[in-house]
Amino acid sequence: GRGSDYSAYGYLANGRLGLSTSASQQDIWQEMDKRTLEACTNAKRDGLIVYTIRLELADDRSDKLLKACATGPEYYLDVPDARQLDAAFSSIADDILQLYLAR
């Protein structure tokens, strides 16, 4: 194998995370979470509304990250079952429509 799972940054050996190939899974998650939160912070600072959806996960790490990434608590949706994903996207679409109509 390539020594790691494939992610948005490729394999760990690609060097895009700035970590050594012997980095622990915890180090990898920490760096990826840091970069995700930075992207969300930058988007929110630029005036964008950030919605986050947690799909079929039940761990504190993803909950904390996605709550922090969202513009506010109402922009974070926890979807425990993929069958509920359509409803989550419909909720977001309704929010966006209301925002558009209010302007």
PDB file of N, CA and C in Angstrom:
ATOM      1  N   GLY A   1       0.798  -1.174   0.000  1.00  0.00           N
ATOM      2  CA  GLY A   1       0.000   0.000   0.000  1.00  0.00           C
ATOM      3  C   GLY A   1       0.850   1.250   0.000  1.00  0.00           C
ATOM      4  N   ARG A   2       0.180   2.333   0.135  1.00  0.00           N
ATOM      5  CA  ARG A   2       0.802   3.659   0.127  1.00  0.00           C
ATOM      6  C   ARG A   2       1.101   4.167   1.539  1.00  0.00           C
ATOM      7  N   GLY A   3       0.833   3.349   2.559  1.00  0.00           N
ATOM      8  CA  GLY A   3       1.144   3.718   3.925  1.00  0.00           C
ATOM      9  C   GLY A   3       0.074   4.544   4.612  1.00  0.00           C
ATOM     10  N   SER A   4      -1.033   4.827   3.922  1.00  0.00           N
ATOM     11  CA  SER A   4      -2.124   5.582   4.534  1.00  0.00           C
ATOM     12  C   SER A   4      -3.377   5.404   3.688  1.00  0.00           C
ATOM     13  N   ASP A   5      -4.496   5.864   4.249  1.00  0.00           N
ATOM     14  CA  ASP A   5      -5.724   5.929   3.471  1.00  0.00           C
ATOM     15  C   ASP A   5      -5.612   7.091   2.501  1.00  0.00           C
ATOM     16  N   TYR A   6      -6.390   7.048   1.433  1.00  0.00           N
ATOM     17  CA  TYR A   6      -6.429   8.155   0.489  1.00  0.00           C
ATOM     18  C   TYR A   6      -7.392   9.210   1.033  1.00  0.00           C
ATOM     19  N   SER A   7      -7.026  10.476   0.927  1.00  0.00           N
ATOM     20  CA  SER A   7      -7.880  11.566   1.408  1.00  0.00           C
ATOM     21  C   SER A   7      -7.902  12.674   0.372  1.00  0.00           C
ATOM     22  N   ALA A   8      -8.505  13.791   0.744  1.00  0.00           N
ATOM     23  CA  ALA A   8      -8.525  14.959  -0.137  1.00  0.00           C
ATOM     24  C   ALA A   8      -7.111  15.455  -0.435  1.00  0.00           C
ATOM     25  N   TYR A   9      -6.158  15.073   0.402  1.00  0.00           N
ATOM     26  CA  TYR A   9      -4.759  15.467   0.216  1.00  0.00           C
ATOM     27  C   TYR A   9      -3.938  14.353  -0.413  1.00  0.00           C
ATOM     28  N   GLY A  10      -4.577  13.332  -0.937  1.00  0.00           N
ATOM     29  CA  GLY A  10      -3.880  12.188  -1.511  1.00  0.00           C
ATOM     30  C   GLY A  10      -3.408  11.259  -0.407  1.00  0.00           C
ATOM     31  N   TYR A  11      -2.377  10.518  -0.683  1.00  0.00           N
ATOM     32  CA  TYR A  11      -1.771   9.645   0.321  1.00  0.00           C
ATOM     33  C   TYR A  11      -0.796  10.451   1.163  1.00  0.00           C
ATOM     34  N   LEU A  12      -0.549  10.006   2.367  1.00  0.00           N
ATOM     35  CA  LEU A  12       0.392  10.696   3.250  1.00  0.00           C
ATOM     36  C   LEU A  12       1.754  10.839   2.572  1.00  0.00           C
ATOM     37  N   ALA A  13       2.146   9.828   1.822  1.00  0.00           N
ATOM     38  CA  ALA A  13       3.449   9.848   1.141  1.00  0.00           C
ATOM     39  C   ALA A  13       3.552  10.964   0.100  1.00  0.00           C
ATOM     40  N   ASN A  14       2.404  11.516  -0.352  1.00  0.00           N
ATOM     41  CA  ASN A  14       2.437  12.625  -1.307  1.00  0.00           C
ATOM     42  C   ASN A  14       2.969  13.907  -0.675  1.00  0.00           C
ATOM     43  N   GLY A  15       3.009  13.978   0.643  1.00  0.00           N
ATOM     44  CA  GLY A  15       3.595  15.107   1.346  1.00  0.00           C
ATOM     45  C   GLY A  15       2.747  16.362   1.415  1.00  0.00           C
ATOM     46  N   ARG A  16       1.492  16.282   1.042  1.00  0.00           N
ATOM     47  CA  ARG A  16       0.659  17.484   1.009  1.00  0.00           C
ATOM     48  C   ARG A  16       0.190  17.945   2.387  1.00  0.00           C
ATOM     49  N   LEU A  17       0.307  17.080   3.386  1.00  0.00           N
ATOM     50  CA  LEU A  17      -0.077  17.465   4.741  1.00  0.00           C
ATOM     51  C   LEU A  17       1.094  18.001   5.547  1.00  0.00           C
ATOM     52  N   GLY A  18       2.280  17.891   5.019  1.00  0.00           N
ATOM     53  CA  GLY A  18       3.450  18.364   5.737  1.00  0.00           C
ATOM     54  C   GLY A  18       3.820  17.488   6.917  1.00  0.00           C
ATOM     55  N   LEU A  19       3.367  16.257   6.916  1.00  0.00           N
ATOM     56  CA  LEU A  19       3.670  15.307   7.984  1.00  0.00           C
ATOM     57  C   LEU A  19       4.600  14.227   7.459  1.00  0.00           C
ATOM     58  N   SER A  20       5.353  13.633   8.344  1.00  0.00           N
ATOM     59  CA  SER A  20       6.228  12.544   7.930  1.00  0.00           C
ATOM     60  C   SER A  20       5.382  11.303   7.617  1.00  0.00           C
ATOM     61  N   THR A  21       5.933  10.403   6.848  1.00  0.00           N
ATOM     62  CA  THR A  21       5.204   9.191   6.484  1.00  0.00           C
ATOM     63  C   THR A  21       5.000   8.265   7.680  1.00  0.00           C
ATOM     64  N   SER A  22       5.647   8.572   8.790  1.00  0.00           N
ATOM     65  CA  SER A  22       5.449   7.770  10.003  1.00  0.00           C
ATOM     66  C   SER A  22       4.453   8.418  10.961  1.00  0.00           C
ATOM     67  N   ALA A  23       3.748   9.451  10.512  1.00  0.00           N
ATOM     68  CA  ALA A  23       2.777  10.144  11.364  1.00  0.00           C
ATOM     69  C   ALA A  23       1.679   9.184  11.797  1.00  0.00           C
ATOM     70  N   SER A  24       1.204   9.377  13.000  1.00  0.00           N
ATOM     71  CA  SER A  24       0.120   8.535  13.519  1.00  0.00           C
ATOM     72  C   SER A  24      -1.213   8.968  12.911  1.00  0.00           C
ATOM     73  N   GLN A  25      -2.210   8.115  13.012  1.00  0.00           N
ATOM     74  CA  GLN A  25      -3.549   8.465  12.523  1.00  0.00           C
ATOM     75  C   GLN A  25      -4.061   9.691  13.264  1.00  0.00           C
ATOM     76  N   GLN A  26      -3.759   9.779  14.545  1.00  0.00           N
ATOM     77  CA  GLN A  26      -4.173  10.942  15.339  1.00  0.00           C
ATOM     78  C   GLN A  26      -3.553  12.232  14.789  1.00  0.00           C
ATOM     79  N   ASP A  27      -2.264  12.177  14.435  1.00  0.00           N
ATOM     80  CA  ASP A  27      -1.596  13.352  13.857  1.00  0.00           C
ATOM     81  C   ASP A  27      -2.225  13.739  12.520  1.00  0.00           C
ATOM     82  N   ILE A  28      -2.569  12.745  11.723  1.00  0.00           N
ATOM     83  CA  ILE A  28      -3.185  12.996  10.418  1.00  0.00           C
ATOM     84  C   ILE A  28      -4.544  13.661  10.609  1.00  0.00           C
ATOM     85  N   TRP A  29      -5.374  13.099  11.491  1.00  0.00           N
ATOM     86  CA  TRP A  29      -6.693  13.692  11.748  1.00  0.00           C
ATOM     87  C   TRP A  29      -6.571  15.110  12.273  1.00  0.00           C
ATOM     88  N   GLN A  30      -5.632  15.321  13.180  1.00  0.00           N
ATOM     89  CA  GLN A  30      -5.457  16.646  13.763  1.00  0.00           C
ATOM     90  C   GLN A  30      -5.089  17.674  12.692  1.00  0.00           C
ATOM     91  N   GLU A  31      -4.186  17.323  11.799  1.00  0.00           N
ATOM     92  CA  GLU A  31      -3.789  18.241  10.734  1.00  0.00           C
ATOM     93  C   GLU A  31      -4.929  18.486   9.753  1.00  0.00           C
ATOM     94  N   MET A  32      -5.651  17.442   9.386  1.00  0.00           N
ATOM     95  CA  MET A  32      -6.775  17.612   8.463  1.00  0.00           C
ATOM     96  C   MET A  32      -7.882  18.455   9.099  1.00  0.00           C
ATOM     97  N   ASP A  33      -8.153  18.219  10.376  1.00  0.00           N
ATOM     98  CA  ASP A  33      -9.172  19.010  11.071  1.00  0.00           C
ATOM     99  C   ASP A  33      -8.755  20.477  11.145  1.00  0.00           C
ATOM    100  N   LYS A  34      -7.494  20.729  11.419  1.00  0.00           N
ATOM    101  CA  LYS A  34      -6.977  22.097  11.484  1.00  0.00           C
ATOM    102  C   LYS A  34      -7.179  22.802  10.146  1.00  0.00           C
ATOM    103  N   ARG A  35      -6.871  22.129   9.069  1.00  0.00           N
ATOM    104  CA  ARG A  35      -7.022  22.731   7.740  1.00  0.00           C
ATOM    105  C   ARG A  35      -8.490  22.943   7.371  1.00  0.00           C
ATOM    106  N   THR A  36      -9.334  22.000   7.755  1.00  0.00           N
ATOM    107  CA  THR A  36     -10.770  22.137   7.490  1.00  0.00           C
ATOM    108  C   THR A  36     -11.327  23.344   8.233  1.00  0.00           C
ATOM    109  N   LEU A  37     -10.988  23.457   9.508  1.00  0.00           N
ATOM    110  CA  LEU A  37     -11.482  24.575  10.308  1.00  0.00           C
ATOM    111  C   LEU A  37     -10.951  25.911   9.776  1.00  0.00           C
ATOM    112  N   GLU A  38      -9.721  25.930   9.307  1.00  0.00           N
ATOM    113  CA  GLU A  38      -9.159  27.151   8.725  1.00  0.00           C
ATOM    114  C   GLU A  38      -9.929  27.565   7.474  1.00  0.00           C
ATOM    115  N   ALA A  39     -10.272  26.593   6.628  1.00  0.00           N
ATOM    116  CA  ALA A  39     -11.044  26.898   5.416  1.00  0.00           C
ATOM    117  C   ALA A  39     -12.424  27.446   5.787  1.00  0.00           C
ATOM    118  N   CYS A  40     -13.055  26.839   6.780  1.00  0.00           N
ATOM    119  CA  CYS A  40     -14.369  27.312   7.216  1.00  0.00           C
ATOM    120  C   CYS A  40     -14.281  28.719   7.794  1.00  0.00           C
ATOM    121  N   THR A  41     -13.281  28.957   8.603  1.00  0.00           N
ATOM    122  CA  THR A  41     -13.084  30.276   9.209  1.00  0.00           C
ATOM    123  C   THR A  41     -12.874  31.330   8.134  1.00  0.00           C
ATOM    124  N   ASN A  42     -12.073  31.024   7.140  1.00  0.00           N
ATOM    125  CA  ASN A  42     -11.831  31.962   6.040  1.00  0.00           C
ATOM    126  C   ASN A  42     -13.111  32.251   5.264  1.00  0.00           C
ATOM    127  N   ALA A  43     -13.898  31.215   4.992  1.00  0.00           N
ATOM    128  CA  ALA A  43     -15.152  31.392   4.251  1.00  0.00           C
ATOM    129  C   ALA A  43     -16.125  32.258   5.046  1.00  0.00           C
ATOM    130  N   LYS A  44     -16.254  31.993   6.335  1.00  0.00           N
ATOM    131  CA  LYS A  44     -17.162  32.777   7.171  1.00  0.00           C
ATOM    132  C   LYS A  44     -16.681  34.230   7.283  1.00  0.00           C
ATOM    133  N   ARG A  45     -15.386  34.424   7.398  1.00  0.00           N
ATOM    134  CA  ARG A  45     -14.828  35.771   7.477  1.00  0.00           C
ATOM    135  C   ARG A  45     -15.127  36.559   6.197  1.00  0.00           C
ATOM    136  N   ASP A  46     -15.199  35.854   5.067  1.00  0.00           N
ATOM    137  CA  ASP A  46     -15.507  36.500   3.796  1.00  0.00           C
ATOM    138  C   ASP A  46     -17.008  36.688   3.576  1.00  0.00           C
ATOM    139  N   GLY A  47     -17.813  36.366   4.605  1.00  0.00           N
ATOM    140  CA  GLY A  47     -19.253  36.599   4.532  1.00  0.00           C
ATOM    141  C   GLY A  47     -20.075  35.447   3.991  1.00  0.00           C
ATOM    142  N   LEU A  48     -19.469  34.297   3.782  1.00  0.00           N
ATOM    143  CA  LEU A  48     -20.220  33.144   3.289  1.00  0.00           C
ATOM    144  C   LEU A  48     -20.916  32.425   4.435  1.00  0.00           C
ATOM    145  N   ILE A  49     -22.052  31.850   4.148  1.00  0.00           N
ATOM    146  CA  ILE A  49     -22.741  31.009   5.117  1.00  0.00           C
ATOM    147  C   ILE A  49     -22.273  29.580   4.878  1.00  0.00           C
ATOM    148  N   VAL A  50     -21.801  28.943   5.930  1.00  0.00           N
ATOM    149  CA  VAL A  50     -21.279  27.581   5.821  1.00  0.00           C
ATOM    150  C   VAL A  50     -22.238  26.612   6.506  1.00  0.00           C
ATOM    151  N   TYR A  51     -22.792  25.704   5.723  1.00  0.00           N
ATOM    152  CA  TYR A  51     -23.609  24.612   6.249  1.00  0.00           C
ATOM    153  C   TYR A  51     -22.711  23.379   6.355  1.00  0.00           C
ATOM    154  N   THR A  52     -22.900  22.602   7.381  1.00  0.00           N
ATOM    155  CA  THR A  52     -22.187  21.335   7.489  1.00  0.00           C
ATOM    156  C   THR A  52     -23.187  20.227   7.782  1.00  0.00           C
ATOM    157  N   ILE A  53     -22.898  19.057   7.237  1.00  0.00           N
ATOM    158  CA  ILE A  53     -23.731  17.881   7.457  1.00  0.00           C
ATOM    159  C   ILE A  53     -22.821  16.751   7.911  1.00  0.00           C
ATOM    160  N   ARG A  54     -23.159  16.153   9.035  1.00  0.00           N
ATOM    161  CA  ARG A  54     -22.446  14.960   9.499  1.00  0.00           C
ATOM    162  C   ARG A  54     -23.319  13.774   9.133  1.00  0.00           C
ATOM    163  N   LEU A  55     -22.781  12.896   8.312  1.00  0.00           N
ATOM    164  CA  LEU A  55     -23.554  11.772   7.792  1.00  0.00           C
ATOM    165  C   LEU A  55     -23.071  10.454   8.373  1.00  0.00           C
ATOM    166  N   GLU A  56     -23.952   9.807   9.087  1.00  0.00           N
ATOM    167  CA  GLU A  56     -23.730   8.459   9.622  1.00  0.00           C
ATOM    168  C   GLU A  56     -22.454   8.340  10.457  1.00  0.00           C
ATOM    169  N   LEU A  57     -22.184   9.351  11.260  1.00  0.00           N
ATOM    170  CA  LEU A  57     -21.062   9.303  12.193  1.00  0.00           C
ATOM    171  C   LEU A  57     -21.594   9.590  13.587  1.00  0.00           C
ATOM    172  N   ALA A  58     -20.914   9.071  14.579  1.00  0.00           N
ATOM    173  CA  ALA A  58     -21.360   9.292  15.960  1.00  0.00           C
ATOM    174  C   ALA A  58     -20.165   9.459  16.884  1.00  0.00           C
ATOM    175  N   ASP A  59     -19.189  10.252  16.461  1.00  0.00           N
ATOM    176  CA  ASP A  59     -18.011  10.456  17.302  1.00  0.00           C
ATOM    177  C   ASP A  59     -17.891  11.929  17.675  1.00  0.00           C
ATOM    178  N   ASP A  60     -17.283  12.186  18.813  1.00  0.00           N
ATOM    179  CA  ASP A  60     -17.143  13.552  19.304  1.00  0.00           C
ATOM    180  C   ASP A  60     -16.282  14.414  18.386  1.00  0.00           C
ATOM    181  N   ARG A  61     -15.267  13.821  17.772  1.00  0.00           N
ATOM    182  CA  ARG A  61     -14.355  14.583  16.917  1.00  0.00           C
ATOM    183  C   ARG A  61     -15.092  15.219  15.742  1.00  0.00           C
ATOM    184  N   SER A  62     -15.872  14.434  15.019  1.00  0.00           N
ATOM    185  CA  SER A  62     -16.591  14.979  13.861  1.00  0.00           C
ATOM    186  C   SER A  62     -17.672  15.960  14.306  1.00  0.00           C
ATOM    187  N   ASP A  63     -18.326  15.679  15.421  1.00  0.00           N
ATOM    188  CA  ASP A  63     -19.362  16.569  15.933  1.00  0.00           C
ATOM    189  C   ASP A  63     -18.769  17.939  16.259  1.00  0.00           C
ATOM    190  N   LYS A  64     -17.677  17.941  16.983  1.00  0.00           N
ATOM    191  CA  LYS A  64     -17.026  19.193  17.392  1.00  0.00           C
ATOM    192  C   LYS A  64     -16.537  19.981  16.176  1.00  0.00           C
ATOM    193  N   LEU A  65     -15.884  19.303  15.248  1.00  0.00           N
ATOM    194  CA  LEU A  65     -15.344  19.978  14.071  1.00  0.00           C
ATOM    195  C   LEU A  65     -16.447  20.579  13.216  1.00  0.00           C
ATOM    196  N   LEU A  66     -17.475  19.802  12.922  1.00  0.00           N
ATOM    197  CA  LEU A  66     -18.515  20.285  12.022  1.00  0.00           C
ATOM    198  C   LEU A  66     -19.379  21.362  12.658  1.00  0.00           C
ATOM    199  N   LYS A  67     -19.567  21.303  13.970  1.00  0.00           N
ATOM    200  CA  LYS A  67     -20.267  22.388  14.659  1.00  0.00           C
ATOM    201  C   LYS A  67     -19.453  23.679  14.579  1.00  0.00           C
ATOM    202  N   ALA A  68     -18.150  23.578  14.795  1.00  0.00           N
ATOM    203  CA  ALA A  68     -17.281  24.755  14.742  1.00  0.00           C
ATOM    204  C   ALA A  68     -17.178  25.310  13.327  1.00  0.00           C
ATOM    205  N   CYS A  69     -17.260  24.443  12.355  1.00  0.00           N
ATOM    206  CA  CYS A  69     -17.128  24.858  10.958  1.00  0.00           C
ATOM    207  C   CYS A  69     -18.372  25.600  10.466  1.00  0.00           C
ATOM    208  N   ALA A  70     -19.531  25.195  10.926  1.00  0.00           N
ATOM    209  CA  ALA A  70     -20.778  25.809  10.478  1.00  0.00           C
ATOM    210  C   ALA A  70     -20.869  27.259  10.946  1.00  0.00           C
ATOM    211  N   THR A  71     -21.600  28.051  10.223  1.00  0.00           N
ATOM    212  CA  THR A  71     -21.780  29.459  10.562  1.00  0.00           C
ATOM    213  C   THR A  71     -22.394  29.619  11.952  1.00  0.00           C
ATOM    214  N   GLY A  72     -23.256  28.729  12.322  1.00  0.00           N
ATOM    215  CA  GLY A  72     -23.893  28.740  13.642  1.00  0.00           C
ATOM    216  C   GLY A  72     -24.549  27.409  13.879  1.00  0.00           C
ATOM    217  N   PRO A  73     -25.069  27.173  15.070  1.00  0.00           N
ATOM    218  CA  PRO A  73     -25.658  25.863  15.388  1.00  0.00           C
ATOM    219  C   PRO A  73     -26.765  25.445  14.425  1.00  0.00           C
ATOM    220  N   GLU A  74     -27.532  26.422  13.943  1.00  0.00           N
ATOM    221  CA  GLU A  74     -28.631  26.106  13.033  1.00  0.00           C
ATOM    222  C   GLU A  74     -28.158  25.706  11.633  1.00  0.00           C
ATOM    223  N   TYR A  75     -26.873  25.876  11.364  1.00  0.00           N
ATOM    224  CA  TYR A  75     -26.310  25.528  10.057  1.00  0.00           C
ATOM    225  C   TYR A  75     -25.593  24.171  10.075  1.00  0.00           C
ATOM    226  N   TYR A  76     -25.660  23.507  11.200  1.00  0.00           N
ATOM    227  CA  TYR A  76     -25.061  22.165  11.350  1.00  0.00           C
ATOM    228  C   TYR A  76     -26.188  21.148  11.423  1.00  0.00           C
ATOM    229  N   LEU A  77     -26.144  20.168  10.542  1.00  0.00           N
ATOM    230  CA  LEU A  77     -27.155  19.127  10.532  1.00  0.00           C
ATOM    231  C   LEU A  77     -26.498  17.778  10.792  1.00  0.00           C
ATOM    232  N   ASP A  78     -26.998  17.074  11.780  1.00  0.00           N
ATOM    233  CA  ASP A  78     -26.505  15.739  12.105  1.00  0.00           C
ATOM    234  C   ASP A  78     -27.468  14.735  11.493  1.00  0.00           C
ATOM    235  N   VAL A  79     -27.008  13.991  10.507  1.00  0.00           N
ATOM    236  CA  VAL A  79     -27.845  13.045   9.771  1.00  0.00           C
ATOM    237  C   VAL A  79     -27.349  11.632  10.085  1.00  0.00           C
ATOM    238  N   PRO A  80     -28.005  10.947  11.013  1.00  0.00           N
ATOM    239  CA  PRO A  80     -27.525   9.630  11.425  1.00  0.00           C
ATOM    240  C   PRO A  80     -27.767   8.524  10.403  1.00  0.00           C
ATOM    241  N   ASP A  81     -28.648   8.766   9.447  1.00  0.00           N
ATOM    242  CA  ASP A  81     -29.003   7.730   8.467  1.00  0.00           C
ATOM    243  C   ASP A  81     -29.083   8.370   7.083  1.00  0.00           C
ATOM    244  N   ALA A  82     -28.439   7.763   6.110  1.00  0.00           N
ATOM    245  CA  ALA A  82     -28.401   8.319   4.745  1.00  0.00           C
ATOM    246  C   ALA A  82     -29.797   8.514   4.164  1.00  0.00           C
ATOM    247  N   ARG A  83     -30.763   7.749   4.643  1.00  0.00           N
ATOM    248  CA  ARG A  83     -32.135   7.918   4.147  1.00  0.00           C
ATOM    249  C   ARG A  83     -32.719   9.272   4.534  1.00  0.00           C
ATOM    250  N   GLN A  84     -32.084   9.967   5.477  1.00  0.00           N
ATOM    251  CA  GLN A  84     -32.544  11.285   5.913  1.00  0.00           C
ATOM    252  C   GLN A  84     -31.801  12.425   5.205  1.00  0.00           C
ATOM    253  N   LEU A  85     -30.902  12.077   4.311  1.00  0.00           N
ATOM    254  CA  LEU A  85     -30.089  13.092   3.647  1.00  0.00           C
ATOM    255  C   LEU A  85     -30.915  14.016   2.762  1.00  0.00           C
ATOM    256  N   ASP A  86     -31.893  13.473   2.040  1.00  0.00           N
ATOM    257  CA  ASP A  86     -32.754  14.322   1.209  1.00  0.00           C
ATOM    258  C   ASP A  86     -33.455  15.380   2.041  1.00  0.00           C
ATOM    259  N   ALA A  87     -33.920  15.006   3.217  1.00  0.00           N
ATOM    260  CA  ALA A  87     -34.600  15.957   4.097  1.00  0.00           C
ATOM    261  C   ALA A  87     -33.625  17.046   4.554  1.00  0.00           C
ATOM    262  N   ALA A  88     -32.387  16.677   4.822  1.00  0.00           N
ATOM    263  CA  ALA A  88     -31.386  17.654   5.240  1.00  0.00           C
ATOM    264  C   ALA A  88     -31.126  18.656   4.123  1.00  0.00           C
ATOM    265  N   PHE A  89     -30.965  18.174   2.902  1.00  0.00           N
ATOM    266  CA  PHE A  89     -30.735  19.083   1.778  1.00  0.00           C
ATOM    267  C   PHE A  89     -31.960  19.944   1.500  1.00  0.00           C
ATOM    268  N   SER A  90     -33.150  19.397   1.694  1.00  0.00           N
ATOM    269  CA  SER A  90     -34.375  20.188   1.523  1.00  0.00           C
ATOM    270  C   SER A  90     -34.436  21.306   2.557  1.00  0.00           C
ATOM    271  N   SER A  91     -34.018  21.010   3.777  1.00  0.00           N
ATOM    272  CA  SER A  91     -33.982  22.014   4.833  1.00  0.00           C
ATOM    273  C   SER A  91     -33.021  23.154   4.474  1.00  0.00           C
ATOM    274  N   ILE A  92     -31.860  22.789   3.954  1.00  0.00           N
ATOM    275  CA  ILE A  92     -30.890  23.805   3.532  1.00  0.00           C
ATOM    276  C   ILE A  92     -31.457  24.632   2.383  1.00  0.00           C
ATOM    277  N   ALA A  93     -32.081  23.978   1.416  1.00  0.00           N
ATOM    278  CA  ALA A  93     -32.668  24.696   0.278  1.00  0.00           C
ATOM    279  C   ALA A  93     -33.745  25.665   0.755  1.00  0.00           C
ATOM    280  N   ASP A  94     -34.565  25.244   1.714  1.00  0.00           N
ATOM    281  CA  ASP A  94     -35.595  26.126   2.259  1.00  0.00           C
ATOM    282  C   ASP A  94     -34.974  27.339   2.948  1.00  0.00           C
ATOM    283  N   ASP A  95     -33.902  27.109   3.704  1.00  0.00           N
ATOM    284  CA  ASP A  95     -33.211  28.215   4.371  1.00  0.00           C
ATOM    285  C   ASP A  95     -32.677  29.220   3.357  1.00  0.00           C
ATOM    286  N   ILE A  96     -32.063  28.703   2.312  1.00  0.00           N
ATOM    287  CA  ILE A  96     -31.486  29.582   1.286  1.00  0.00           C
ATOM    288  C   ILE A  96     -32.588  30.369   0.572  1.00  0.00           C
ATOM    289  N   LEU A  97     -33.708  29.710   0.291  1.00  0.00           N
ATOM    290  CA  LEU A  97     -34.831  30.393  -0.362  1.00  0.00           C
ATOM    291  C   LEU A  97     -35.359  31.507   0.535  1.00  0.00           C
ATOM    292  N   GLN A  98     -35.509  31.238   1.816  1.00  0.00           N
ATOM    293  CA  GLN A  98     -35.990  32.257   2.745  1.00  0.00           C
ATOM    294  C   GLN A  98     -35.019  33.438   2.810  1.00  0.00           C
ATOM    295  N   LEU A  99     -33.736  33.143   2.821  1.00  0.00           N
ATOM    296  CA  LEU A  99     -32.730  34.199   2.834  1.00  0.00           C
ATOM    297  C   LEU A  99     -32.821  35.044   1.561  1.00  0.00           C
ATOM    298  N   TYR A 100     -32.993  34.383   0.420  1.00  0.00           N
ATOM    299  CA  TYR A 100     -33.102  35.080  -0.857  1.00  0.00           C
ATOM    300  C   TYR A 100     -34.338  35.970  -0.874  1.00  0.00           C
ATOM    301  N   LEU A 101     -35.473  35.437  -0.391  1.00  0.00           N
ATOM    302  CA  LEU A 101     -36.723  36.191  -0.404  1.00  0.00           C
ATOM    303  C   LEU A 101     -36.668  37.375   0.558  1.00  0.00           C
ATOM    304  N   ALA A 102     -35.907  37.231   1.620  1.00  0.00           N
ATOM    305  CA  ALA A 102     -35.805  38.305   2.604  1.00  0.00           C
ATOM    306  C   ALA A 102     -34.995  39.492   2.087  1.00  0.00           C
ATOM    307  N   ARG A 103     -34.187  39.252   1.077  1.00  0.00           N
ATOM    308  CA  ARG A 103     -33.355  40.333   0.527  1.00  0.00           C
ATOM    309  C   ARG A 103     -34.138  41.016  -0.515  1.00  0.00           C
TER     310      ARG A 103
END
